[in-house]
Amino acid sequence: MTTDQSSRQTSERTADRQRDIQDEIHERDRREASAGEDGAMQAGARHYPVPPMPEQRLSKPGEEHELEPRPMYDAPFYKGSEKLKDKVAIITGGDSGIGRAVAIFYAREGADIVVSYLSEDTDAEETKRAVEAEGRRCILSRGDVADLAYCQSLVDEAVSELGKLDILVNNAGFQVHANEIEDLSAEHFDQTMKTNLYGLYNMCKVAVPRMGKGGAIVNSGSVVGLHGKAQLLDYSITKGGIHAFTRSLASSLIPRGIRVNAVAPGPVWTPLNPSDREAEDVAQFGGSVPMKRPAQPEELAPAYVFLASAHTSSYITGEVLPVTGGG
């Protein structure tokens, strides 16, 4: 056999191997596509909805019971292990979305809950029933965290009714997009600042004096506070501010034994965005992140448990934990 013939046979064998590899990958891709044609990553204990979602638009502040599909918050696969046994937690914006899921997870870990909400009575009552189904107490409090007097009464009620305050979750928020800066009115800008930043300041100001060593504050930041977003100038400012406030307050409270951290969610299927965006935009919500779907509230809640519990995060303060679907 000549050298040319040998080289030709070698190259043909290599080409055959390359085609075999190509065919193998093609068949694997075909199987994966038929198993989940949406291409979204499903790494949880159950299958989560993927875009397109039903086109819908909710009126502010957004009622979870009107949202389709209903957000998944109860996490039947999650087993508590007394990581928050006999703690007392205030959760602002606790009637729905991430706040509701956090309330349920905290109750499952042994905490009693005070749920603060703006006006969504039906959603708040559902959250209360879910918390009580976990065998823990739940107090509902209706009010605006932008009002310092309300925040003081909220903390006073929590301590009076439940005996103490161990955990504060600052989750209440306001978001409405504006495509151009000219569209962002002073009233709109002010409302975002008052809810997201003044509310955070108000709650911390009145809660910290009632919290002792071992207390924990968990703030809801956002991926837009890390990267910004063109249509959410005001909201991005507040979320970036929450991240900076978290780090600064954490340093301030170290001598008092109170830890302060934040979670920075990516897109999460809650009433917040369907009460912000146009219906056709809502249909594709969450599809642009690497996982190609929005998170469900129950996928965020474990991060809030982690940061609240001294069993899991006693050496963590001043941190912002991104939970962004790979974005």
C-alpha atoms as a PDB file:
ATOM      1  CA  MET A   1       0.000   0.000   0.000  1.00  0.00           C
ATOM      2  CA  THR A   2       1.402   3.346  -0.970  1.00  0.00           C
ATOM      3  CA  THR A   3       1.681   6.280   1.415  1.00  0.00           C
ATOM      4  CA  ASP A   4      -1.038   8.100  -0.502  1.00  0.00           C
ATOM      5  CA  GLN A   5      -3.426   5.134  -0.147  1.00  0.00           C
ATOM      6  CA  SER A   6      -2.676   4.834   3.575  1.00  0.00           C
ATOM      7  CA  SER A   7      -3.296   8.526   4.111  1.00  0.00           C
ATOM      8  CA  ARG A   8      -6.559   8.328   2.165  1.00  0.00           C
ATOM      9  CA  GLN A   9      -7.814   5.422   4.315  1.00  0.00           C
ATOM     10  CA  THR A  10      -6.819   7.207   7.512  1.00  0.00           C
ATOM     11  CA  SER A  11      -8.601  10.376   6.452  1.00  0.00           C
ATOM     12  CA  GLU A  12     -11.732   8.411   5.476  1.00  0.00           C
ATOM     13  CA  ARG A  13     -11.790   6.668   8.863  1.00  0.00           C
ATOM     14  CA  THR A  14     -11.446  10.038  10.581  1.00  0.00           C
ATOM     15  CA  ALA A  15     -14.272  11.469   8.488  1.00  0.00           C
ATOM     16  CA  ASP A  16     -16.431   8.438   9.382  1.00  0.00           C
ATOM     17  CA  ARG A  17     -15.747   8.999  13.090  1.00  0.00           C
ATOM     18  CA  GLN A  18     -16.635  12.666  12.736  1.00  0.00           C
ATOM     19  CA  ARG A  19     -19.942  11.755  11.077  1.00  0.00           C
ATOM     20  CA  ASP A  20     -20.651   9.205  13.828  1.00  0.00           C
ATOM     21  CA  ILE A  21     -20.089  11.898  16.468  1.00  0.00           C
ATOM     22  CA  GLN A  22     -22.282  14.299  14.503  1.00  0.00           C
ATOM     23  CA  ASP A  23     -25.071  11.726  14.227  1.00  0.00           C
ATOM     24  CA  GLU A  24     -24.849  10.911  17.935  1.00  0.00           C
ATOM     25  CA  ILE A  25     -25.184  14.568  18.931  1.00  0.00           C
ATOM     26  CA  HIS A  26     -27.989  15.100  16.417  1.00  0.00           C
ATOM     27  CA  GLU A  27     -29.946  12.179  17.864  1.00  0.00           C
ATOM     28  CA  ARG A  28     -29.380  13.429  21.417  1.00  0.00           C
ATOM     29  CA  ASP A  29     -30.566  16.912  20.434  1.00  0.00           C
ATOM     30  CA  ARG A  30     -33.641  15.400  18.793  1.00  0.00           C
ATOM     31  CA  ARG A  31     -34.501  13.418  21.937  1.00  0.00           C
ATOM     32  CA  GLU A  32     -34.008  16.444  24.172  1.00  0.00           C
ATOM     33  CA  ALA A  33     -36.141  18.590  21.882  1.00  0.00           C
ATOM     34  CA  SER A  34     -38.972  16.067  21.906  1.00  0.00           C
ATOM     35  CA  ALA A  35     -38.757  15.807  25.696  1.00  0.00           C
ATOM     36  CA  GLY A  36     -38.956  19.580  26.138  1.00  0.00           C
ATOM     37  CA  GLU A  37     -39.577  21.502  22.937  1.00  0.00           C
ATOM     38  CA  ASP A  38     -39.374  24.837  24.752  1.00  0.00           C
ATOM     39  CA  GLY A  39     -35.681  24.297  25.517  1.00  0.00           C
ATOM     40  CA  ALA A  40     -36.097  25.701  29.031  1.00  0.00           C
ATOM     41  CA  MET A  41     -34.003  24.310  31.839  1.00  0.00           C
ATOM     42  CA  GLN A  42     -35.981  22.243  34.351  1.00  0.00           C
ATOM     43  CA  ALA A  43     -33.690  21.409  37.264  1.00  0.00           C
ATOM     44  CA  GLY A  44     -36.253  21.466  40.058  1.00  0.00           C
ATOM     45  CA  ALA A  45     -38.388  18.846  41.713  1.00  0.00           C
ATOM     46  CA  ARG A  46     -41.302  19.589  39.415  1.00  0.00           C
ATOM     47  CA  HIS A  47     -41.906  21.077  35.970  1.00  0.00           C
ATOM     48  CA  TYR A  48     -42.277  24.865  35.835  1.00  0.00           C
ATOM     49  CA  PRO A  49     -44.212  26.899  33.219  1.00  0.00           C
ATOM     50  CA  VAL A  50     -42.305  28.313  30.270  1.00  0.00           C
ATOM     51  CA  PRO A  51     -43.047  31.132  27.811  1.00  0.00           C
ATOM     52  CA  PRO A  52     -45.232  31.911  26.077  1.00  0.00           C
ATOM     53  CA  MET A  53     -47.466  32.710  29.026  1.00  0.00           C
ATOM     54  CA  PRO A  54     -51.074  33.811  28.544  1.00  0.00           C
ATOM     55  CA  GLU A  55     -51.262  37.456  27.513  1.00  0.00           C
ATOM     56  CA  GLN A  56     -52.591  39.419  30.477  1.00  0.00           C
ATOM     57  CA  ARG A  57     -52.256  42.706  32.285  1.00  0.00           C
ATOM     58  CA  LEU A  58     -53.125  43.265  35.944  1.00  0.00           C
ATOM     59  CA  SER A  59     -54.046  46.540  37.610  1.00  0.00           C
ATOM     60  CA  LYS A  60     -51.693  47.792  40.303  1.00  0.00           C
ATOM     61  CA  PRO A  61     -50.804  46.661  42.892  1.00  0.00           C
ATOM     62  CA  GLY A  62     -51.458  43.280  41.243  1.00  0.00           C
ATOM     63  CA  GLU A  63     -53.595  40.464  42.635  1.00  0.00           C
ATOM     64  CA  GLU A  64     -51.991  37.013  42.555  1.00  0.00           C
ATOM     65  CA  HIS A  65     -55.319  35.185  42.443  1.00  0.00           C
ATOM     66  CA  GLU A  66     -55.981  36.850  39.058  1.00  0.00           C
ATOM     67  CA  LEU A  67     -52.704  35.651  37.515  1.00  0.00           C
ATOM     68  CA  GLU A  68     -52.606  32.727  35.062  1.00  0.00           C
ATOM     69  CA  PRO A  69     -50.958  30.361  35.479  1.00  0.00           C
ATOM     70  CA  ARG A  70     -50.984  30.702  39.250  1.00  0.00           C
ATOM     71  CA  PRO A  71     -47.498  31.192  40.697  1.00  0.00           C
ATOM     72  CA  MET A  72     -46.076  28.083  42.360  1.00  0.00           C
ATOM     73  CA  TYR A  73     -45.262  28.867  45.982  1.00  0.00           C
ATOM     74  CA  ASP A  74     -46.074  25.915  48.239  1.00  0.00           C
ATOM     75  CA  ALA A  75     -43.092  23.655  47.373  1.00  0.00           C
ATOM     76  CA  PRO A  76     -44.559  20.287  48.446  1.00  0.00           C
ATOM     77  CA  PHE A  77     -41.097  18.725  48.034  1.00  0.00           C
ATOM     78  CA  TYR A  78     -39.426  21.111  50.526  1.00  0.00           C
ATOM     79  CA  LYS A  79     -39.031  19.639  54.009  1.00  0.00           C
ATOM     80  CA  GLY A  80     -38.406  21.924  56.960  1.00  0.00           C
ATOM     81  CA  SER A  81     -35.746  21.133  59.549  1.00  0.00           C
ATOM     82  CA  GLU A  82     -36.344  23.737  62.286  1.00  0.00           C
ATOM     83  CA  LYS A  83     -33.803  26.178  60.856  1.00  0.00           C
ATOM     84  CA  LEU A  84     -36.011  29.046  62.136  1.00  0.00           C
ATOM     85  CA  LYS A  85     -37.613  27.316  65.105  1.00  0.00           C
ATOM     86  CA  ASP A  86     -39.668  29.738  67.233  1.00  0.00           C
ATOM     87  CA  LYS A  87     -38.388  32.812  65.388  1.00  0.00           C
ATOM     88  CA  VAL A  88     -40.670  35.757  64.584  1.00  0.00           C
ATOM     89  CA  ALA A  89     -40.450  37.297  61.114  1.00  0.00           C
ATOM     90  CA  ILE A  90     -42.005  40.369  59.495  1.00  0.00           C
ATOM     91  CA  ILE A  91     -42.304  40.066  55.722  1.00  0.00           C
ATOM     92  CA  THR A  92     -43.312  43.170  53.773  1.00  0.00           C
ATOM     93  CA  GLY A  93     -45.051  42.470  50.500  1.00  0.00           C
ATOM     94  CA  GLY A  94     -45.813  39.092  52.021  1.00  0.00           C
ATOM     95  CA  ASP A  95     -49.264  38.642  50.527  1.00  0.00           C
ATOM     96  CA  SER A  96     -48.096  37.255  47.183  1.00  0.00           C
ATOM     97  CA  GLY A  97     -45.170  36.349  44.968  1.00  0.00           C
ATOM     98  CA  ILE A  98     -41.795  35.899  46.605  1.00  0.00           C
ATOM     99  CA  GLY A  99     -43.114  37.243  49.901  1.00  0.00           C
ATOM    100  CA  ARG A 100     -45.816  34.576  50.118  1.00  0.00           C
ATOM    101  CA  ALA A 101     -43.386  31.773  49.332  1.00  0.00           C
ATOM    102  CA  VAL A 102     -40.933  33.090  51.938  1.00  0.00           C
ATOM    103  CA  ALA A 103     -43.718  33.225  54.538  1.00  0.00           C
ATOM    104  CA  ILE A 104     -44.593  29.587  53.888  1.00  0.00           C
ATOM    105  CA  PHE A 105     -40.984  28.395  53.893  1.00  0.00           C
ATOM    106  CA  TYR A 106     -40.268  30.301  57.114  1.00  0.00           C
ATOM    107  CA  ALA A 107     -43.348  28.769  58.732  1.00  0.00           C
ATOM    108  CA  ARG A 108     -42.243  25.326  57.584  1.00  0.00           C
ATOM    109  CA  GLU A 109     -38.913  26.033  59.281  1.00  0.00           C
ATOM    110  CA  GLY A 110     -40.700  26.889  62.532  1.00  0.00           C
ATOM    111  CA  ALA A 111     -41.239  30.666  62.471  1.00  0.00           C
ATOM    112  CA  ASP A 112     -44.314  32.744  63.256  1.00  0.00           C
ATOM    113  CA  ILE A 113     -45.082  35.326  60.584  1.00  0.00           C
ATOM    114  CA  VAL A 114     -46.340  38.894  60.307  1.00  0.00           C
ATOM    115  CA  VAL A 115     -47.397  39.626  56.717  1.00  0.00           C
ATOM    116  CA  SER A 116     -47.445  43.291  55.717  1.00  0.00           C
ATOM    117  CA  TYR A 117     -49.248  44.190  52.481  1.00  0.00           C
ATOM    118  CA  LEU A 118     -50.643  47.247  50.722  1.00  0.00           C
ATOM    119  CA  SER A 119     -54.256  46.420  49.811  1.00  0.00           C
ATOM    120  CA  GLU A 120     -54.447  42.862  48.407  1.00  0.00           C
ATOM    121  CA  ASP A 121     -56.802  41.399  51.030  1.00  0.00           C
ATOM    122  CA  THR A 122     -57.733  38.224  49.149  1.00  0.00           C
ATOM    123  CA  ASP A 123     -54.112  37.300  48.497  1.00  0.00           C
ATOM    124  CA  ALA A 124     -53.130  38.084  52.084  1.00  0.00           C
ATOM    125  CA  GLU A 125     -55.823  35.815  53.473  1.00  0.00           C
ATOM    126  CA  GLU A 126     -54.610  32.978  51.254  1.00  0.00           C
ATOM    127  CA  THR A 127     -51.080  33.477  52.555  1.00  0.00           C
ATOM    128  CA  LYS A 128     -52.342  33.412  56.124  1.00  0.00           C
ATOM    129  CA  ARG A 129     -54.176  30.135  55.535  1.00  0.00           C
ATOM    130  CA  ALA A 130     -51.033  28.619  54.032  1.00  0.00           C
ATOM    131  CA  VAL A 131     -48.866  29.704  56.971  1.00  0.00           C
ATOM    132  CA  GLU A 132     -51.369  28.404  59.507  1.00  0.00           C
ATOM    133  CA  ALA A 133     -51.524  25.098  57.617  1.00  0.00           C
ATOM    134  CA  GLU A 134     -47.838  24.748  58.554  1.00  0.00           C
ATOM    135  CA  GLY A 135     -48.833  24.958  62.227  1.00  0.00           C
ATOM    136  CA  ARG A 136     -47.527  28.499  62.846  1.00  0.00           C
ATOM    137  CA  ARG A 137     -49.176  31.788  63.742  1.00  0.00           C
ATOM    138  CA  CYS A 138     -49.755  34.481  61.126  1.00  0.00           C
ATOM    139  CA  ILE A 139     -50.774  38.122  61.618  1.00  0.00           C
ATOM    140  CA  LEU A 140     -51.910  40.256  58.674  1.00  0.00           C
ATOM    141  CA  SER A 141     -51.158  43.989  58.611  1.00  0.00           C
ATOM    142  CA  ARG A 142     -52.462  46.310  55.893  1.00  0.00           C
ATOM    143  CA  GLY A 143     -50.532  49.510  55.240  1.00  0.00           C
ATOM    144  CA  ASP A 144     -47.949  51.429  53.235  1.00  0.00           C
ATOM    145  CA  VAL A 145     -44.280  50.948  54.163  1.00  0.00           C
ATOM    146  CA  ALA A 146     -43.578  54.433  52.777  1.00  0.00           C
ATOM    147  CA  ASP A 147     -45.387  55.709  55.904  1.00  0.00           C
ATOM    148  CA  LEU A 148     -42.998  55.686  58.869  1.00  0.00           C
ATOM    149  CA  ALA A 149     -45.865  55.767  61.375  1.00  0.00           C
ATOM    150  CA  TYR A 150     -47.344  52.604  59.843  1.00  0.00           C
ATOM    151  CA  CYS A 151     -43.974  50.843  59.995  1.00  0.00           C
ATOM    152  CA  GLN A 152     -43.673  51.705  63.682  1.00  0.00           C
ATOM    153  CA  SER A 153     -47.139  50.338  64.400  1.00  0.00           C
ATOM    154  CA  LEU A 154     -46.329  47.184  62.407  1.00  0.00           C
ATOM    155  CA  VAL A 155     -43.233  46.436  64.470  1.00  0.00           C
ATOM    156  CA  ASP A 156     -45.019  47.304  67.715  1.00  0.00           C
ATOM    157  CA  GLU A 157     -47.843  44.902  66.835  1.00  0.00           C
ATOM    158  CA  ALA A 158     -45.429  42.097  65.965  1.00  0.00           C
ATOM    159  CA  VAL A 159     -43.607  42.399  69.285  1.00  0.00           C
ATOM    160  CA  SER A 160     -46.817  42.848  71.266  1.00  0.00           C
ATOM    161  CA  GLU A 161     -48.611  39.871  69.701  1.00  0.00           C
ATOM    162  CA  LEU A 162     -45.711  37.470  69.134  1.00  0.00           C
ATOM    163  CA  GLY A 163     -43.310  38.543  71.860  1.00  0.00           C
ATOM    164  CA  LYS A 164     -40.231  39.535  69.847  1.00  0.00           C
ATOM    165  CA  LEU A 165     -38.785  40.232  66.407  1.00  0.00           C
ATOM    166  CA  ASP A 166     -35.963  38.106  64.970  1.00  0.00           C
ATOM    167  CA  ILE A 167     -36.174  38.500  61.190  1.00  0.00           C
ATOM    168  CA  LEU A 168     -37.136  41.335  58.864  1.00  0.00           C
ATOM    169  CA  VAL A 169     -37.687  40.646  55.163  1.00  0.00           C
ATOM    170  CA  ASN A 170     -37.966  43.859  53.134  1.00  0.00           C
ATOM    171  CA  ASN A 171     -39.774  42.658  50.038  1.00  0.00           C
ATOM    172  CA  ALA A 172     -42.422  45.312  49.265  1.00  0.00           C
ATOM    173  CA  GLY A 173     -41.781  46.981  45.932  1.00  0.00           C
ATOM    174  CA  PHE A 174     -43.233  49.140  43.158  1.00  0.00           C
ATOM    175  CA  GLN A 175     -42.309  48.794  39.473  1.00  0.00           C
ATOM    176  CA  VAL A 176     -43.717  50.344  36.297  1.00  0.00           C
ATOM    177  CA  HIS A 177     -41.640  50.577  33.127  1.00  0.00           C
ATOM    178  CA  ALA A 178     -41.013  53.768  31.140  1.00  0.00           C
ATOM    179  CA  ASN A 179     -39.529  53.373  27.667  1.00  0.00           C
ATOM    180  CA  GLU A 180     -37.820  56.785  27.619  1.00  0.00           C
ATOM    181  CA  ILE A 181     -36.639  59.097  30.371  1.00  0.00           C
ATOM    182  CA  GLU A 182     -39.152  61.673  29.085  1.00  0.00           C
ATOM    183  CA  ASP A 183     -41.895  59.164  29.953  1.00  0.00           C
ATOM    184  CA  LEU A 184     -40.748  58.919  33.579  1.00  0.00           C
ATOM    185  CA  SER A 185     -42.774  61.550  35.414  1.00  0.00           C
ATOM    186  CA  ALA A 186     -41.700  63.074  38.699  1.00  0.00           C
ATOM    187  CA  GLU A 187     -44.730  61.463  40.361  1.00  0.00           C
ATOM    188  CA  HIS A 188     -43.782  58.038  38.969  1.00  0.00           C
ATOM    189  CA  PHE A 189     -40.146  58.471  40.052  1.00  0.00           C
ATOM    190  CA  ASP A 190     -41.217  59.617  43.506  1.00  0.00           C
ATOM    191  CA  GLN A 191     -43.575  56.663  43.999  1.00  0.00           C
ATOM    192  CA  THR A 192     -40.799  54.201  43.181  1.00  0.00           C
ATOM    193  CA  MET A 193     -38.372  55.900  45.549  1.00  0.00           C
ATOM    194  CA  LYS A 194     -40.923  56.132  48.364  1.00  0.00           C
ATOM    195  CA  THR A 195     -41.934  52.470  48.212  1.00  0.00           C
ATOM    196  CA  ASN A 196     -38.609  50.808  47.450  1.00  0.00           C
ATOM    197  CA  LEU A 197     -36.115  52.997  49.340  1.00  0.00           C
ATOM    198  CA  TYR A 198     -38.069  54.959  51.942  1.00  0.00           C
ATOM    199  CA  GLY A 199     -39.964  51.772  52.796  1.00  0.00           C
ATOM    200  CA  LEU A 200     -36.691  49.920  53.305  1.00  0.00           C
ATOM    201  CA  TYR A 201     -35.272  52.722  55.451  1.00  0.00           C
ATOM    202  CA  ASN A 202     -38.476  53.055  57.482  1.00  0.00           C
ATOM    203  CA  MET A 203     -38.692  49.356  58.270  1.00  0.00           C
ATOM    204  CA  CYS A 204     -35.043  49.032  59.250  1.00  0.00           C
ATOM    205  CA  LYS A 205     -35.152  52.201  61.354  1.00  0.00           C
ATOM    206  CA  VAL A 206     -38.007  50.945  63.521  1.00  0.00           C
ATOM    207  CA  ALA A 207     -37.178  47.222  63.477  1.00  0.00           C
ATOM    208  CA  VAL A 208     -33.494  47.280  64.389  1.00  0.00           C
ATOM    209  CA  PRO A 209     -34.047  48.655  67.928  1.00  0.00           C
ATOM    210  CA  ARG A 210     -36.389  45.716  68.621  1.00  0.00           C
ATOM    211  CA  MET A 211     -34.014  43.056  67.271  1.00  0.00           C
ATOM    212  CA  GLY A 212     -31.328  41.421  69.375  1.00  0.00           C
ATOM    213  CA  LYS A 213     -28.134  39.513  68.778  1.00  0.00           C
ATOM    214  CA  GLY A 214     -28.733  36.811  66.197  1.00  0.00           C
ATOM    215  CA  GLY A 215     -31.266  38.882  64.296  1.00  0.00           C
ATOM    216  CA  ALA A 216     -31.331  38.878  60.506  1.00  0.00           C
ATOM    217  CA  ILE A 217     -32.491  41.304  57.820  1.00  0.00           C
ATOM    218  CA  VAL A 218     -33.010  40.012  54.273  1.00  0.00           C
ATOM    219  CA  ASN A 219     -33.711  42.568  51.540  1.00  0.00           C
ATOM    220  CA  SER A 220     -35.125  41.924  48.075  1.00  0.00           C
ATOM    221  CA  GLY A 221     -32.784  43.421  45.513  1.00  0.00           C
ATOM    222  CA  SER A 222     -32.863  42.590  41.811  1.00  0.00           C
ATOM    223  CA  VAL A 223     -30.758  41.622  38.834  1.00  0.00           C
ATOM    224  CA  VAL A 224     -31.527  45.091  37.429  1.00  0.00           C
ATOM    225  CA  GLY A 225     -29.741  46.544  40.450  1.00  0.00           C
ATOM    226  CA  LEU A 226     -26.660  44.643  39.252  1.00  0.00           C
ATOM    227  CA  HIS A 227     -26.878  45.262  35.500  1.00  0.00           C
ATOM    228  CA  GLY A 228     -29.459  48.025  34.986  1.00  0.00           C
ATOM    229  CA  LYS A 229     -32.352  48.003  32.518  1.00  0.00           C
ATOM    230  CA  ALA A 230     -33.226  50.663  29.973  1.00  0.00           C
ATOM    231  CA  GLN A 231     -36.961  50.671  30.653  1.00  0.00           C
ATOM    232  CA  LEU A 232     -36.596  50.587  34.453  1.00  0.00           C
ATOM    233  CA  LEU A 233     -34.423  53.592  35.247  1.00  0.00           C
ATOM    234  CA  ASP A 234     -36.115  54.397  38.551  1.00  0.00           C
ATOM    235  CA  TYR A 235     -36.541  50.786  39.655  1.00  0.00           C
ATOM    236  CA  SER A 236     -32.896  50.010  38.822  1.00  0.00           C
ATOM    237  CA  ILE A 237     -31.771  52.968  40.941  1.00  0.00           C
ATOM    238  CA  THR A 238     -33.724  51.674  43.915  1.00  0.00           C
ATOM    239  CA  LYS A 239     -32.502  48.113  43.578  1.00  0.00           C
ATOM    240  CA  GLY A 240     -28.893  49.223  43.244  1.00  0.00           C
ATOM    241  CA  GLY A 241     -29.517  51.389  46.294  1.00  0.00           C
ATOM    242  CA  ILE A 242     -30.874  48.412  48.206  1.00  0.00           C
ATOM    243  CA  HIS A 243     -27.696  46.492  47.451  1.00  0.00           C
ATOM    244  CA  ALA A 244     -25.531  49.375  48.691  1.00  0.00           C
ATOM    245  CA  PHE A 245     -27.782  49.921  51.730  1.00  0.00           C
ATOM    246  CA  THR A 246     -27.493  46.211  52.543  1.00  0.00           C
ATOM    247  CA  ARG A 247     -23.711  46.296  52.558  1.00  0.00           C
ATOM    248  CA  SER A 248     -23.559  49.539  54.546  1.00  0.00           C
ATOM    249  CA  LEU A 249     -26.134  48.565  57.170  1.00  0.00           C
ATOM    250  CA  ALA A 250     -24.453  45.178  57.551  1.00  0.00           C
ATOM    251  CA  SER A 251     -21.210  46.901  58.535  1.00  0.00           C
ATOM    252  CA  SER A 252     -23.081  49.145  60.937  1.00  0.00           C
ATOM    253  CA  LEU A 253     -24.869  46.283  62.701  1.00  0.00           C
ATOM    254  CA  ILE A 254     -21.989  43.831  63.108  1.00  0.00           C
ATOM    255  CA  PRO A 255     -21.285  45.040  66.684  1.00  0.00           C
ATOM    256  CA  ARG A 256     -24.946  44.352  67.534  1.00  0.00           C
ATOM    257  CA  GLY A 257     -24.889  40.808  66.170  1.00  0.00           C
ATOM    258  CA  ILE A 258     -27.478  41.474  63.448  1.00  0.00           C
ATOM    259  CA  ARG A 259     -26.725  40.189  59.965  1.00  0.00           C
ATOM    260  CA  VAL A 260     -27.962  42.009  56.830  1.00  0.00           C
ATOM    261  CA  ASN A 261     -28.024  40.424  53.373  1.00  0.00           C
ATOM    262  CA  ALA A 262     -29.993  40.632  50.137  1.00  0.00           C
ATOM    263  CA  VAL A 263     -31.297  38.364  47.414  1.00  0.00           C
ATOM    264  CA  ALA A 264     -31.127  39.661  43.824  1.00  0.00           C
ATOM    265  CA  PRO A 265     -33.764  37.767  41.820  1.00  0.00           C
ATOM    266  CA  GLY A 266     -33.943  37.586  38.060  1.00  0.00           C
ATOM    267  CA  PRO A 267     -37.375  37.263  36.395  1.00  0.00           C
ATOM    268  CA  VAL A 268     -39.903  35.672  38.768  1.00  0.00           C
ATOM    269  CA  TRP A 269     -43.521  34.832  37.934  1.00  0.00           C
ATOM    270  CA  THR A 270     -45.375  37.103  40.370  1.00  0.00           C
ATOM    271  CA  PRO A 271     -48.013  39.854  40.018  1.00  0.00           C
ATOM    272  CA  LEU A 272     -45.250  42.504  39.825  1.00  0.00           C
ATOM    273  CA  ASN A 273     -44.481  42.228  36.119  1.00  0.00           C
ATOM    274  CA  PRO A 274     -47.974  41.498  34.715  1.00  0.00           C
ATOM    275  CA  SER A 275     -49.059  44.668  36.537  1.00  0.00           C
ATOM    276  CA  ASP A 276     -46.222  46.573  34.824  1.00  0.00           C
ATOM    277  CA  ARG A 277     -45.866  45.346  31.248  1.00  0.00           C
ATOM    278  CA  GLU A 278     -48.196  45.188  28.277  1.00  0.00           C
ATOM    279  CA  ALA A 279     -49.964  41.862  27.790  1.00  0.00           C
ATOM    280  CA  GLU A 280     -47.897  40.825  24.767  1.00  0.00           C
ATOM    281  CA  ASP A 281     -44.677  41.465  26.703  1.00  0.00           C
ATOM    282  CA  VAL A 282     -45.901  39.396  29.644  1.00  0.00           C
ATOM    283  CA  ALA A 283     -46.322  36.417  27.316  1.00  0.00           C
ATOM    284  CA  GLN A 284     -42.547  36.250  26.780  1.00  0.00           C
ATOM    285  CA  PHE A 285     -41.556  37.138  30.348  1.00  0.00           C
ATOM    286  CA  GLY A 286     -38.433  35.289  31.482  1.00  0.00           C
ATOM    287  CA  GLY A 287     -37.693  33.802  28.074  1.00  0.00           C
ATOM    288  CA  SER A 288     -34.514  35.818  27.522  1.00  0.00           C
ATOM    289  CA  VAL A 289     -32.480  34.411  30.440  1.00  0.00           C
ATOM    290  CA  PRO A 290     -30.262  31.361  29.828  1.00  0.00           C
ATOM    291  CA  MET A 291     -32.765  29.044  31.523  1.00  0.00           C
ATOM    292  CA  LYS A 292     -35.416  30.383  29.092  1.00  0.00           C
ATOM    293  CA  ARG A 293     -38.170  30.701  31.689  1.00  0.00           C
ATOM    294  CA  PRO A 294     -39.084  32.808  34.715  1.00  0.00           C
ATOM    295  CA  ALA A 295     -38.458  31.433  38.189  1.00  0.00           C
ATOM    296  CA  GLN A 296     -41.384  30.464  40.352  1.00  0.00           C
ATOM    297  CA  PRO A 297     -41.576  31.992  43.869  1.00  0.00           C
ATOM    298  CA  GLU A 298     -40.812  28.663  45.531  1.00  0.00           C
ATOM    299  CA  GLU A 299     -37.464  28.614  43.711  1.00  0.00           C
ATOM    300  CA  LEU A 300     -36.435  31.906  45.385  1.00  0.00           C
ATOM    301  CA  ALA A 301     -37.625  31.194  48.926  1.00  0.00           C
ATOM    302  CA  PRO A 302     -34.784  28.812  49.908  1.00  0.00           C
ATOM    303  CA  ALA A 303     -32.303  31.663  49.439  1.00  0.00           C
ATOM    304  CA  TYR A 304     -34.261  33.717  51.967  1.00  0.00           C
ATOM    305  CA  VAL A 305     -34.232  30.803  54.407  1.00  0.00           C
ATOM    306  CA  PHE A 306     -30.494  30.400  53.911  1.00  0.00           C
ATOM    307  CA  LEU A 307     -29.763  34.061  54.666  1.00  0.00           C
ATOM    308  CA  ALA A 308     -32.154  34.263  57.638  1.00  0.00           C
ATOM    309  CA  SER A 309     -30.981  31.157  59.481  1.00  0.00           C
ATOM    310  CA  ALA A 310     -27.930  31.188  61.742  1.00  0.00           C
ATOM    311  CA  HIS A 311     -27.662  27.459  61.071  1.00  0.00           C
ATOM    312  CA  THR A 312     -26.797  28.104  57.436  1.00  0.00           C
ATOM    313  CA  SER A 313     -25.326  31.625  57.170  1.00  0.00           C
ATOM    314  CA  SER A 314     -23.903  32.685  60.520  1.00  0.00           C
ATOM    315  CA  TYR A 315     -20.701  33.949  58.843  1.00  0.00           C
ATOM    316  CA  ILE A 316     -22.459  35.812  56.026  1.00  0.00           C
ATOM    317  CA  THR A 317     -23.369  39.501  56.174  1.00  0.00           C
ATOM    318  CA  GLY A 318     -23.305  42.353  53.687  1.00  0.00           C
ATOM    319  CA  GLU A 319     -23.744  40.028  50.712  1.00  0.00           C
ATOM    320  CA  VAL A 320     -26.033  40.133  47.702  1.00  0.00           C
ATOM    321  CA  LEU A 321     -27.014  36.654  46.506  1.00  0.00           C
ATOM    322  CA  PRO A 322     -28.040  36.578  42.811  1.00  0.00           C
ATOM    323  CA  VAL A 323     -30.718  34.042  41.836  1.00  0.00           C
ATOM    324  CA  THR A 324     -31.049  34.931  38.177  1.00  0.00           C
ATOM    325  CA  GLY A 325     -31.538  31.842  36.034  1.00  0.00           C
ATOM    326  CA  GLY A 326     -28.017  32.155  34.692  1.00  0.00           C
ATOM    327  CA  GLY A 327     -28.439  35.789  33.621  1.00  0.00           C
END
